Amino acid sequence: MTSDSPMPSPPFPSPDNAALRVVVGNAIASVRNGEASVEEAILHAAVHGWYEGHIQGEDECTGCDFRGGLPKKSNRG
């Protein structure tokens, strides 16, 4: 699934992030096989998706705490 709309600000992972695909696939599978309710699967995917976005942001900008040009602990406002 792809979208032409811009992605929100980090810590959201990019849509082509392989780890995000695994997280979403696991959530779908857990609902289909009865291991989790839809609500549980969404919560699990949201938490793990956020974490993967955080990791991706740190990898892309080692001096930043998010994907962007500001150094850690700077005012984003």
Protein backbone atom coordinates (compact mmCIF):
# COMPACT_ATOMS: atom_id res chain seq x y z
CA MET A 1 0.00 0.00 0.00
CA THR A 2 1.38 3.43 -0.93
CA SER A 3 0.18 6.96 -0.47
CA ASP A 4 1.01 10.20 -2.25
CA SER A 5 0.18 12.26 0.83
CA PRO A 6 3.05 13.55 2.99
CA MET A 7 3.95 11.58 6.07
CA PRO A 8 3.42 13.16 9.49
CA SER A 9 6.38 14.31 11.55
CA PRO A 10 8.51 11.63 13.18
CA PRO A 11 8.57 9.33 15.11
CA PHE A 12 6.43 7.68 12.45
CA PRO A 13 8.41 5.24 10.26
CA SER A 14 8.39 5.65 6.52
CA PRO A 15 5.77 3.54 4.70
CA ASP A 16 8.46 1.39 3.08
CA ASN A 17 10.12 0.52 6.41
CA ALA A 18 10.58 -3.28 6.45
CA ALA A 19 10.15 -3.53 10.22
CA LEU A 20 6.85 -1.63 10.00
CA ARG A 21 5.60 -4.13 7.42
CA VAL A 22 6.41 -6.96 9.83
CA VAL A 23 4.62 -5.19 12.70
CA VAL A 24 1.49 -4.60 10.59
CA GLY A 25 1.57 -8.14 9.17
CA ASN A 26 1.84 -9.62 12.66
CA ALA A 27 -1.09 -7.49 13.85
CA ILE A 28 -3.27 -8.66 10.96
CA ALA A 29 -2.28 -12.29 11.52
CA SER A 30 -2.97 -12.10 15.26
CA VAL A 31 -6.52 -10.89 14.60
CA ARG A 32 -7.16 -13.47 11.88
CA ASN A 33 -5.99 -16.38 14.01
CA GLY A 34 -7.80 -15.21 17.14
CA GLU A 35 -4.72 -14.41 19.23
CA ALA A 36 -5.75 -10.77 19.66
CA SER A 37 -8.79 -8.55 19.34
CA VAL A 38 -8.72 -5.74 16.79
CA GLU A 39 -8.14 -3.24 19.61
CA GLU A 40 -5.20 -5.25 21.00
CA ALA A 41 -3.65 -5.63 17.57
CA ILE A 42 -3.96 -1.90 16.83
CA LEU A 43 -2.40 -0.97 20.17
CA HIS A 44 0.46 -3.42 19.66
CA ALA A 45 1.10 -2.17 16.10
CA ALA A 46 0.94 1.49 17.15
CA VAL A 47 3.47 1.06 19.95
CA HIS A 48 5.87 -0.98 17.87
CA GLY A 49 5.40 1.26 14.82
CA TRP A 50 6.27 4.32 16.90
CA TYR A 51 9.37 2.56 18.19
CA GLU A 52 10.49 1.59 14.69
CA GLY A 53 10.06 5.22 13.60
CA HIS A 54 12.19 6.36 16.51
CA ILE A 55 14.94 3.92 15.54
CA GLN A 56 14.76 5.01 11.90
CA GLY A 57 15.03 8.66 12.97
CA GLU A 58 18.11 7.97 15.07
CA ASP A 59 19.73 6.06 12.21
CA GLU A 60 19.14 8.90 9.75
CA CYS A 61 20.20 11.73 12.03
CA THR A 62 22.63 10.60 14.71
CA GLY A 63 22.78 14.10 16.25
CA CYS A 64 19.00 14.50 16.34
CA ASP A 65 16.27 13.00 18.48
CA PHE A 66 13.93 12.97 15.46
CA ARG A 67 14.27 13.01 11.66
CA GLY A 68 15.15 16.59 10.96
CA GLY A 69 17.93 19.10 11.18
CA LEU A 70 17.73 20.21 14.81
CA PRO A 71 20.20 18.86 17.36
CA LYS A 72 18.97 17.04 20.45
CA LYS A 73 17.38 19.14 23.17
CA SER A 74 16.87 22.13 20.87
CA ASN A 75 13.66 24.12 20.74
CA ARG A 76 11.46 22.76 17.95
CA GLY A 77 8.88 25.53 18.26
